[in-house]
Protein backbone atom coordinates (compact mmCIF):
# COMPACT_ATOMS: atom_id res chain seq x y z
CA MET A 1 -21.23 -16.73 -17.94
CA GLU A 2 -21.07 -13.01 -18.16
CA THR A 3 -19.26 -10.69 -20.53
CA THR A 4 -17.86 -7.18 -20.08
CA LYS A 5 -15.74 -4.69 -21.85
CA CYS A 6 -13.76 -4.06 -18.71
CA LEU A 7 -13.11 -6.13 -15.54
CA ILE A 8 -11.35 -4.30 -12.69
CA ILE A 9 -9.78 -6.46 -10.05
CA GLY A 10 -9.36 -4.71 -6.73
CA GLY A 11 -11.07 -1.97 -4.82
CA GLY A 12 -8.54 0.48 -3.61
CA PRO A 13 -7.80 3.99 -4.92
CA ALA A 14 -6.62 2.50 -8.20
CA GLY A 15 -9.52 0.34 -8.81
CA TYR A 16 -12.19 2.82 -7.81
CA THR A 17 -10.66 5.58 -9.90
CA ALA A 18 -10.42 3.07 -12.76
CA GLY A 19 -14.08 2.41 -12.29
CA ILE A 20 -14.95 6.13 -12.49
CA TYR A 21 -13.08 6.69 -15.81
CA ALA A 22 -14.12 3.41 -17.41
CA SER A 23 -17.81 4.13 -16.48
CA ARG A 24 -17.63 7.57 -18.01
CA ALA A 25 -16.17 5.99 -21.13
CA ASP A 26 -19.43 3.81 -21.36
CA MET A 27 -17.28 0.65 -20.88
CA LYS A 28 -19.75 -0.64 -18.28
CA PRO A 29 -16.98 -2.07 -15.94
CA ILE A 30 -17.47 -4.71 -13.44
CA LEU A 31 -15.31 -4.20 -10.42
CA ILE A 32 -14.56 -7.09 -8.03
CA GLU A 33 -13.52 -5.46 -4.70
CA GLY A 34 -11.43 -8.32 -3.17
CA PRO A 35 -10.90 -9.10 0.50
CA GLN A 36 -10.23 -5.49 1.66
CA PRO A 37 -12.58 -3.06 -0.13
CA GLY A 38 -10.98 0.35 -0.12
CA GLY A 39 -7.44 -1.06 0.17
CA GLN A 40 -4.75 -0.08 2.75
CA LEU A 41 -6.13 3.41 3.28
CA THR A 42 -9.00 1.77 5.29
CA ILE A 43 -6.62 0.86 8.05
CA THR A 44 -5.38 4.42 8.51
CA THR A 45 -6.95 7.08 10.66
CA GLU A 46 -6.56 10.77 9.68
CA VAL A 47 -5.30 11.41 6.08
CA GLU A 48 -4.01 14.90 5.55
CA ASN A 49 -2.30 14.58 2.15
CA PHE A 50 -5.16 13.47 -0.15
CA PRO A 51 -6.25 16.38 -2.43
CA GLY A 52 -9.72 17.67 -1.95
CA TYR A 53 -9.82 17.23 1.79
CA PRO A 54 -8.36 20.54 3.23
CA ASN A 55 -9.14 19.66 6.85
CA GLY A 56 -8.18 16.02 6.48
CA LYS A 57 -10.46 13.02 6.81
CA SER A 58 -10.27 9.41 7.83
CA GLY A 59 -8.97 6.76 5.44
CA PRO A 60 -12.18 4.76 5.40
CA ASN A 61 -14.38 7.85 4.80
CA ILE A 62 -12.13 9.02 1.85
CA MET A 63 -12.31 5.55 0.18
CA ASN A 64 -16.11 5.41 0.78
CA ASP A 65 -16.36 8.83 -0.98
CA ILE A 66 -14.34 7.53 -4.10
CA ARG A 67 -16.36 4.21 -4.01
CA GLU A 68 -19.68 6.20 -4.04
CA GLN A 69 -18.44 8.26 -6.96
CA ALA A 70 -17.64 5.08 -8.89
CA LEU A 71 -21.08 3.75 -8.17
CA ARG A 72 -22.74 7.10 -9.21
CA MET A 73 -20.80 6.88 -12.52
CA GLY A 74 -22.27 3.32 -13.18
CA THR A 75 -19.52 0.98 -12.02
CA ASP A 76 -20.93 -2.43 -11.33
CA MET A 77 -19.51 -3.02 -7.86
CA ARG A 78 -19.35 -6.60 -6.49
CA THR A 79 -18.02 -8.16 -3.33
CA GLY A 80 -15.82 -11.18 -3.57
CA MET A 81 -12.47 -12.41 -4.90
CA VAL A 82 -11.18 -13.39 -8.35
CA THR A 83 -9.77 -16.82 -7.78
CA GLU A 84 -8.64 -17.80 -11.27
CA VAL A 85 -7.54 -15.94 -14.49
CA ASP A 86 -6.68 -17.08 -18.05
CA PHE A 87 -4.94 -14.35 -20.00
CA SER A 88 -3.80 -16.70 -22.76
CA LYS A 89 -6.43 -15.37 -25.22
CA ARG A 90 -9.07 -12.71 -25.49
CA PRO A 91 -11.64 -12.36 -24.17
CA PHE A 92 -9.87 -13.04 -20.93
CA ARG A 93 -11.50 -15.63 -18.66
CA CYS A 94 -11.86 -14.67 -14.94
CA VAL A 95 -13.46 -16.70 -12.24
CA VAL A 96 -14.98 -15.19 -9.10
CA GLU A 97 -15.14 -17.20 -5.91
CA ASP A 98 -14.39 -20.42 -7.83
CA THR A 99 -17.88 -20.42 -9.40
CA GLN A 100 -18.81 -17.44 -11.49
CA GLU A 101 -17.12 -17.01 -14.92
CA ILE A 102 -16.59 -13.63 -16.54
CA LEU A 103 -15.18 -12.93 -20.04
CA ALA A 104 -13.58 -9.60 -20.31
CA ASP A 105 -12.26 -7.73 -23.32
CA THR A 106 -9.86 -5.78 -21.06
CA VAL A 107 -8.69 -6.38 -17.46
CA ILE A 108 -7.32 -3.72 -15.04
CA ILE A 109 -5.41 -5.30 -12.09
CA ALA A 110 -5.51 -3.16 -8.99
CA THR A 111 -4.92 -5.64 -6.23
CA GLY A 112 -2.41 -3.47 -4.39
CA ALA A 113 0.43 -4.49 -2.05
CA THR A 114 0.45 -5.21 1.56
CA ALA A 115 3.05 -3.98 4.19
CA ARG A 116 5.14 -6.57 5.91
CA TRP A 117 4.55 -6.34 9.58
CA LEU A 118 6.46 -7.47 12.72
CA GLY A 119 3.82 -10.05 13.64
CA LEU A 120 3.51 -8.77 17.20
CA GLU A 121 0.06 -8.77 18.82
CA SER A 122 0.64 -5.35 20.28
CA GLU A 123 1.52 -4.11 16.79
CA ARG A 124 -2.02 -5.04 15.74
CA THR A 125 -3.49 -3.35 18.78
CA TYR A 126 -1.91 -0.07 18.05
CA ARG A 127 -1.90 -0.15 14.23
CA GLY A 128 -3.45 3.21 13.15
CA PHE A 129 -2.99 4.58 16.82
CA GLY A 130 0.77 5.23 16.64
CA VAL A 131 1.92 2.29 14.59
CA SER A 132 2.21 2.91 10.84
CA ALA A 133 4.01 1.62 7.68
CA CYS A 134 4.04 4.96 5.86
CA ALA A 135 6.09 8.00 7.09
CA THR A 136 4.84 10.19 4.31
CA CYS A 137 1.30 9.39 5.18
CA ASP A 138 1.43 9.72 8.97
CA GLY A 139 4.70 11.47 9.85
CA ASN A 140 3.08 14.95 10.30
CA PHE A 141 1.06 13.67 13.24
CA PHE A 142 4.30 13.15 15.07
CA ARG A 143 5.87 16.60 14.49
CA GLY A 144 8.16 17.57 17.37
CA ARG A 145 7.85 14.20 19.06
CA ASP A 146 10.06 11.13 19.26
CA VAL A 147 9.47 8.00 17.06
CA ALA A 148 11.19 4.79 16.03
CA VAL A 149 11.68 3.29 12.53
CA VAL A 150 12.26 -0.49 12.21
CA GLY A 151 14.31 -1.79 9.26
CA GLY A 152 17.64 -1.57 7.54
CA GLY A 153 17.11 -1.18 3.80
CA ASP A 154 16.76 1.87 1.61
CA THR A 155 13.03 2.35 2.55
CA ALA A 156 13.65 2.32 6.28
CA LEU A 157 16.58 4.88 5.92
CA GLU A 158 14.52 7.06 3.76
CA GLU A 159 11.61 6.96 6.33
CA ALA A 160 14.02 7.93 9.06
CA THR A 161 15.54 10.85 7.23
CA TYR A 162 12.09 12.11 6.24
CA LEU A 163 10.89 11.83 9.82
CA ALA A 164 14.04 13.53 11.16
CA LYS A 165 12.92 16.80 9.48
CA LEU A 166 9.63 16.62 11.39
CA CYS A 167 10.36 14.88 14.68
CA ASN A 168 12.46 15.70 17.71
CA LYS A 169 14.37 12.28 17.67
CA VAL A 170 14.20 9.25 15.43
CA TYR A 171 15.48 5.89 16.71
CA LEU A 172 16.42 3.57 13.75
CA VAL A 173 16.22 0.01 14.93
CA HIS A 174 17.98 -2.60 12.94
CA ARG A 175 18.52 -6.29 13.70
CA ARG A 176 21.98 -6.42 12.31
CA ASP A 177 25.27 -4.47 12.78
CA GLU A 178 25.22 -2.98 9.38
CA PHE A 179 22.54 -1.61 6.92
CA ARG A 180 21.55 -3.23 3.65
CA ALA A 181 20.79 0.31 2.18
CA SER A 182 22.88 2.10 -0.38
CA LYS A 183 26.06 3.85 0.83
CA ALA A 184 24.70 7.21 0.00
CA MET A 185 21.65 6.67 2.11
CA GLN A 186 23.65 5.39 4.88
CA GLN A 187 25.86 8.46 4.89
CA ARG A 188 22.74 10.65 4.97
CA VAL A 189 21.46 8.93 8.06
CA PHE A 190 24.88 9.10 9.84
CA ASN A 191 25.02 12.80 9.10
CA THR A 192 21.58 13.47 10.63
CA ALA A 193 22.09 14.49 14.17
CA ASN A 194 18.62 13.55 15.50
CA ILE A 195 18.72 10.01 14.23
CA GLN A 196 20.05 7.40 16.72
CA VAL A 197 20.86 3.96 15.24
CA VAL A 198 19.91 0.99 17.58
CA TRP A 199 22.06 -1.81 16.25
CA ASP A 200 21.58 -5.60 16.60
CA SER A 201 18.02 -5.08 18.10
CA VAL A 202 14.66 -6.82 17.51
CA PRO A 203 11.35 -5.20 18.59
CA THR A 204 9.56 -7.45 21.09
CA GLU A 205 6.53 -5.23 21.97
CA ILE A 206 4.77 -2.01 21.21
CA VAL A 207 4.26 -0.37 24.52
CA GLY A 208 1.08 1.75 24.97
CA GLU A 209 -1.96 2.98 26.93
CA LYS A 210 -5.56 2.02 26.38
CA LYS A 211 -8.37 3.83 27.86
CA GLY A 212 -11.69 2.58 26.33
CA PHE A 213 -11.43 3.22 22.56
CA VAL A 214 -8.53 5.69 23.03
CA LYS A 215 -5.12 4.11 22.31
CA ALA A 216 -1.61 5.65 22.39
CA VAL A 217 1.82 4.34 21.88
CA THR A 218 4.26 5.25 24.63
CA GLY A 219 7.28 3.14 23.75
CA LEU A 220 8.95 0.36 21.69
CA SER A 221 10.52 -2.51 23.60
CA VAL A 222 13.72 -4.00 21.92
CA ASN A 223 16.00 -6.88 22.53
CA ASN A 224 19.74 -6.63 21.78
CA LYS A 225 20.59 -9.87 20.10
CA LYS A 226 24.35 -9.67 21.32
CA THR A 227 23.97 -8.65 24.93
CA GLY A 228 20.42 -10.05 25.55
CA GLU A 229 19.50 -6.63 27.17
CA ASN A 230 15.91 -5.42 26.91
CA THR A 231 15.31 -1.77 26.47
CA VAL A 232 12.17 0.45 26.15
CA LEU A 233 12.61 3.25 23.68
CA PRO A 234 10.33 6.24 24.79
CA VAL A 235 8.56 6.97 21.55
CA ASP A 236 5.03 8.14 20.57
CA GLY A 237 5.15 6.49 17.11
CA VAL A 238 6.58 3.32 15.50
CA PHE A 239 7.03 3.15 11.72
CA VAL A 240 7.58 -0.35 10.38
CA ALA A 241 9.73 -0.31 7.25
CA ILE A 242 10.60 -3.91 6.35
CA GLY A 243 9.03 -4.02 2.93
CA HIS A 244 5.85 -4.57 1.03
CA GLN A 245 4.42 -7.64 -0.61
CA PRO A 246 2.52 -7.04 -3.93
CA VAL A 247 -0.76 -9.08 -4.14
CA THR A 248 0.13 -10.94 -7.38
CA GLU A 249 0.12 -14.72 -6.51
CA LEU A 250 -3.00 -15.07 -8.63
CA PHE A 251 -1.10 -13.76 -11.76
CA LYS A 252 2.00 -15.81 -11.68
CA GLY A 253 2.55 -17.55 -15.04
CA GLN A 254 -0.10 -15.21 -16.61
CA ILE A 255 1.70 -11.94 -16.98
CA GLU A 256 5.33 -10.75 -16.38
CA LEU A 257 6.40 -10.04 -12.76
CA ASP A 258 9.72 -8.77 -11.41
CA ALA A 259 11.95 -10.39 -8.91
CA GLN A 260 9.87 -8.95 -6.03
CA GLY A 261 6.59 -10.00 -7.55
CA TYR A 262 5.43 -6.64 -8.79
CA ILE A 263 3.66 -6.51 -12.23
CA VAL A 264 5.99 -5.16 -14.88
CA THR A 265 4.39 -2.38 -16.98
CA ARG A 266 5.80 -0.54 -20.00
CA PRO A 267 7.53 2.81 -19.32
CA ASP A 268 5.06 5.63 -18.86
CA SER A 269 2.13 3.19 -19.25
CA THR A 270 0.02 0.77 -17.21
CA ALA A 271 0.10 -1.85 -19.98
CA THR A 272 1.48 -5.26 -19.17
CA ASN A 273 3.26 -7.71 -21.56
CA VAL A 274 -0.24 -9.09 -22.33
CA PRO A 275 -2.12 -6.86 -24.73
CA GLY A 276 -5.39 -5.72 -23.08
CA VAL A 277 -4.36 -6.38 -19.57
CA PHE A 278 -3.33 -3.33 -17.45
CA ALA A 279 -2.04 -2.91 -13.94
CA ALA A 280 -2.51 0.19 -11.68
CA GLY A 281 -1.49 1.30 -8.15
CA ASP A 282 0.75 -0.37 -5.63
CA VAL A 283 0.65 -3.75 -7.47
CA GLN A 284 3.08 -2.27 -10.01
CA ASP A 285 4.60 0.57 -8.02
CA PRO A 286 7.30 -0.39 -5.45
CA HIS A 287 8.52 3.21 -5.12
CA PHE A 288 5.77 5.78 -4.27
CA ARG A 289 2.94 3.72 -2.54
CA GLN A 290 0.61 6.70 -2.13
CA ALA A 291 -3.19 6.76 -2.47
CA ILE A 292 -2.95 9.66 -4.93
CA THR A 293 -0.47 7.99 -7.16
CA ALA A 294 -2.52 4.88 -7.24
CA ALA A 295 -5.61 6.92 -8.07
CA ALA A 296 -3.64 8.49 -10.96
CA SER A 297 -2.55 5.18 -12.34
CA GLY A 298 -6.08 3.89 -12.17
CA CYS A 299 -7.16 6.79 -14.30
CA LYS A 300 -4.39 6.04 -16.74
CA ALA A 301 -5.30 2.27 -16.88
CA ALA A 302 -8.93 3.14 -17.73
CA LEU A 303 -7.91 5.57 -20.43
CA GLU A 304 -5.50 2.97 -21.95
CA ALA A 305 -8.07 0.30 -21.82
CA GLU A 306 -10.51 2.55 -23.69
CA ARG A 307 -7.97 3.27 -26.41
CA PHE A 308 -7.14 -0.33 -26.62
CA LEU A 309 -10.67 -1.18 -27.45
CA LEU A 310 -10.91 1.55 -30.01
CA GLN A 311 -7.98 0.12 -31.94
């Protein structure tokens, strides 16, 4: 059995940044990277909006740079998954891969959230090559071109209006004949001339071209549920906006979660309802979902963990 002042669960922007700050505070943190080291940014191609990379850089390379910085600071980086936690008393008991026990004075949860996808094989083929779940991240690559957004909630309509400022035309594909989004957001969409709503339609395939390792989206095939008609929308990009799922199954019954499963933190803080347990990044942020905001909250979590130990 090991002991540590700080255990970090998750290896995305939030987890790695927490590792940098916790290491500099001489907390000698152990970081368990989880099933996807680097987080969601590792499935993106070119990233243009992360500070410090004026010419842009691939998501995997950016995450590798942050990881290397955390290692250089002294973070004890380990592969594997935390499979059990007990936050009922301090030190907190955490189990890695069902075998190794770690007792931690503080815990920073940075397990992130995963985008909900359509489940199409072609979607997986073109993910990162024209298929995205983040307009803010990837919209600029489609400036002046035609794209499609799939979804009918506030997030989908926000993505569509954002893309409408950059793109020539935005198809907004929704499976029903009315939106779930707020009336104000709906009115904004209806008032945007280059957004065309495609009602009662379900995506059936991402259409594209493959030449060796080069892939490109050329269209989105949709099926109208009322007429049965199949149509291919001529687009260069497809943005899936049907929600995100926080990775919090492990923490049910241990800390407070909201109705969607996100970890609840105190206002202007990363502290959870369990003293000594902190949450950073997309696992507690259903709104922004950006690598830079996740990194910022990882910094805050490490600083708060340090202050907690000093009390």
